Amino acid sequence: MDEREKLRKFRELDDAFAQALRELEKPNSRLDIPTGPPVRSLAELEAEEQQQRQQAFEAQLKALMKEYAQPRESVADLLRTLKTLGHIA
């Protein structure tokens, strides 16, 4: 690539960059400029972690119910009792 071609490409790039800056300075500019992957809020991350913990708890509870042959009603009564006594939140 000769020097003229390099200079032409540089000017095109410079012009495009200048145009983008002018567009950004306009009020209410609605440019669709990719800024990377969407950022998830801390609340969304915490909610997802809480859901994962709940699913893990339910899986463990079901495994224990199966291992000790305890019906759903029995376990529900036990959990209500523990909650009433303040042993679980």
C-alpha atoms as a PDB file:
ATOM      1  CA  MET A   1       0.000   0.000   0.000  1.00  0.00           C
ATOM      2  CA  ASP A   2       1.529   3.304  -1.007  1.00  0.00           C
ATOM      3  CA  GLU A   3       1.618   6.456   1.114  1.00  0.00           C
ATOM      4  CA  ARG A   4      -1.284   8.095  -0.737  1.00  0.00           C
ATOM      5  CA  GLU A   5      -3.557   5.145  -0.043  1.00  0.00           C
ATOM      6  CA  LYS A   6      -2.573   5.160   3.633  1.00  0.00           C
ATOM      7  CA  LEU A   7      -3.245   8.885   3.866  1.00  0.00           C
ATOM      8  CA  ARG A   8      -6.640   8.482   2.137  1.00  0.00           C
ATOM      9  CA  LYS A   9      -7.687   5.706   4.536  1.00  0.00           C
ATOM     10  CA  PHE A  10      -6.525   7.756   7.506  1.00  0.00           C
ATOM     11  CA  ARG A  11      -8.598  10.749   6.339  1.00  0.00           C
ATOM     12  CA  GLU A  12     -11.672   8.543   5.882  1.00  0.00           C
ATOM     13  CA  LEU A  13     -11.252   7.181   9.376  1.00  0.00           C
ATOM     14  CA  ASP A  14     -10.677  10.663  10.777  1.00  0.00           C
ATOM     15  CA  ASP A  15     -13.800  11.972   9.023  1.00  0.00           C
ATOM     16  CA  ALA A  16     -15.910   9.079  10.317  1.00  0.00           C
ATOM     17  CA  PHE A  17     -14.630   9.631  13.848  1.00  0.00           C
ATOM     18  CA  ALA A  18     -15.342  13.370  13.664  1.00  0.00           C
ATOM     19  CA  GLN A  19     -18.873  12.677  12.391  1.00  0.00           C
ATOM     20  CA  ALA A  20     -19.506  10.247  15.247  1.00  0.00           C
ATOM     21  CA  LEU A  21     -18.342  12.841  17.775  1.00  0.00           C
ATOM     22  CA  ARG A  22     -20.667  15.459  16.262  1.00  0.00           C
ATOM     23  CA  GLU A  23     -23.584  13.039  16.495  1.00  0.00           C
ATOM     24  CA  LEU A  24     -22.821  12.312  20.146  1.00  0.00           C
ATOM     25  CA  GLU A  25     -22.832  16.020  20.978  1.00  0.00           C
ATOM     26  CA  LYS A  26     -26.346  16.500  19.579  1.00  0.00           C
ATOM     27  CA  PRO A  27     -29.055  16.595  22.263  1.00  0.00           C
ATOM     28  CA  ASN A  28     -31.385  13.596  22.211  1.00  0.00           C
ATOM     29  CA  SER A  29     -28.994  11.703  19.973  1.00  0.00           C
ATOM     30  CA  ARG A  30     -30.237   8.148  19.391  1.00  0.00           C
ATOM     31  CA  LEU A  31     -27.179   6.492  17.932  1.00  0.00           C
ATOM     32  CA  ASP A  32     -27.011   2.761  18.237  1.00  0.00           C
ATOM     33  CA  ILE A  33     -23.439   2.454  19.440  1.00  0.00           C
ATOM     34  CA  PRO A  34     -22.531  -0.997  20.742  1.00  0.00           C
ATOM     35  CA  THR A  35     -20.910  -0.711  24.143  1.00  0.00           C
ATOM     36  CA  GLY A  36     -20.451  -4.361  24.936  1.00  0.00           C
ATOM     37  CA  PRO A  37     -22.681  -6.986  26.481  1.00  0.00           C
ATOM     38  CA  PRO A  38     -25.658  -5.782  28.523  1.00  0.00           C
ATOM     39  CA  VAL A  39     -24.848  -5.180  32.149  1.00  0.00           C
ATOM     40  CA  ARG A  40     -27.001  -7.036  34.628  1.00  0.00           C
ATOM     41  CA  SER A  41     -28.020  -5.253  37.780  1.00  0.00           C
ATOM     42  CA  LEU A  42     -26.930  -6.423  41.194  1.00  0.00           C
ATOM     43  CA  ALA A  43     -30.582  -7.067  42.087  1.00  0.00           C
ATOM     44  CA  GLU A  44     -30.959  -9.390  39.076  1.00  0.00           C
ATOM     45  CA  LEU A  45     -27.802 -11.283  40.040  1.00  0.00           C
ATOM     46  CA  GLU A  46     -28.967 -11.634  43.649  1.00  0.00           C
ATOM     47  CA  ALA A  47     -32.401 -12.808  42.524  1.00  0.00           C
ATOM     48  CA  GLU A  48     -30.793 -15.405  40.257  1.00  0.00           C
ATOM     49  CA  GLU A  49     -28.534 -16.625  43.086  1.00  0.00           C
ATOM     50  CA  GLN A  50     -31.538 -16.829  45.438  1.00  0.00           C
ATOM     51  CA  GLN A  51     -33.433 -18.876  42.861  1.00  0.00           C
ATOM     52  CA  GLN A  52     -30.461 -21.237  42.454  1.00  0.00           C
ATOM     53  CA  ARG A  53     -30.205 -21.683  46.247  1.00  0.00           C
ATOM     54  CA  GLN A  54     -33.933 -22.374  46.452  1.00  0.00           C
ATOM     55  CA  GLN A  55     -33.735 -24.953  43.664  1.00  0.00           C
ATOM     56  CA  ALA A  56     -30.775 -26.644  45.378  1.00  0.00           C
ATOM     57  CA  PHE A  57     -32.675 -26.710  48.683  1.00  0.00           C
ATOM     58  CA  GLU A  58     -35.741 -28.205  47.019  1.00  0.00           C
ATOM     59  CA  ALA A  59     -33.625 -30.872  45.322  1.00  0.00           C
ATOM     60  CA  GLN A  60     -31.955 -31.789  48.624  1.00  0.00           C
ATOM     61  CA  LEU A  61     -35.307 -31.851  50.403  1.00  0.00           C
ATOM     62  CA  LYS A  62     -36.835 -34.128  47.774  1.00  0.00           C
ATOM     63  CA  ALA A  63     -33.841 -36.467  47.990  1.00  0.00           C
ATOM     64  CA  LEU A  64     -34.199 -36.667  51.776  1.00  0.00           C
ATOM     65  CA  MET A  65     -37.944 -37.226  51.504  1.00  0.00           C
ATOM     66  CA  LYS A  66     -37.313 -40.100  49.122  1.00  0.00           C
ATOM     67  CA  GLU A  67     -34.481 -41.564  51.203  1.00  0.00           C
ATOM     68  CA  TYR A  68     -36.563 -41.543  54.420  1.00  0.00           C
ATOM     69  CA  ALA A  69     -39.873 -42.323  52.682  1.00  0.00           C
ATOM     70  CA  GLN A  70     -41.580 -39.226  54.066  1.00  0.00           C
ATOM     71  CA  PRO A  71     -44.740 -37.969  52.367  1.00  0.00           C
ATOM     72  CA  ARG A  72     -45.050 -34.354  51.243  1.00  0.00           C
ATOM     73  CA  GLU A  73     -47.689 -33.566  53.913  1.00  0.00           C
ATOM     74  CA  SER A  74     -45.449 -34.775  56.730  1.00  0.00           C
ATOM     75  CA  VAL A  75     -42.554 -32.644  55.573  1.00  0.00           C
ATOM     76  CA  ALA A  76     -44.840 -29.629  55.111  1.00  0.00           C
ATOM     77  CA  ASP A  77     -46.083 -30.020  58.713  1.00  0.00           C
ATOM     78  CA  LEU A  78     -42.499 -30.256  59.961  1.00  0.00           C
ATOM     79  CA  LEU A  79     -41.474 -27.110  58.053  1.00  0.00           C
ATOM     80  CA  ARG A  80     -44.500 -25.173  59.365  1.00  0.00           C
ATOM     81  CA  THR A  81     -43.636 -26.243  62.912  1.00  0.00           C
ATOM     82  CA  LEU A  82     -39.997 -25.212  62.525  1.00  0.00           C
ATOM     83  CA  LYS A  83     -41.063 -21.863  61.089  1.00  0.00           C
ATOM     84  CA  THR A  84     -43.549 -21.279  63.927  1.00  0.00           C
ATOM     85  CA  LEU A  85     -40.821 -22.014  66.479  1.00  0.00           C
ATOM     86  CA  GLY A  86     -38.512 -19.559  64.736  1.00  0.00           C
ATOM     87  CA  HIS A  87     -35.934 -22.142  63.647  1.00  0.00           C
ATOM     88  CA  ILE A  88     -36.248 -21.163  59.992  1.00  0.00           C
ATOM     89  CA  ALA A  89     -37.061 -17.872  58.340  1.00  0.00           C
END
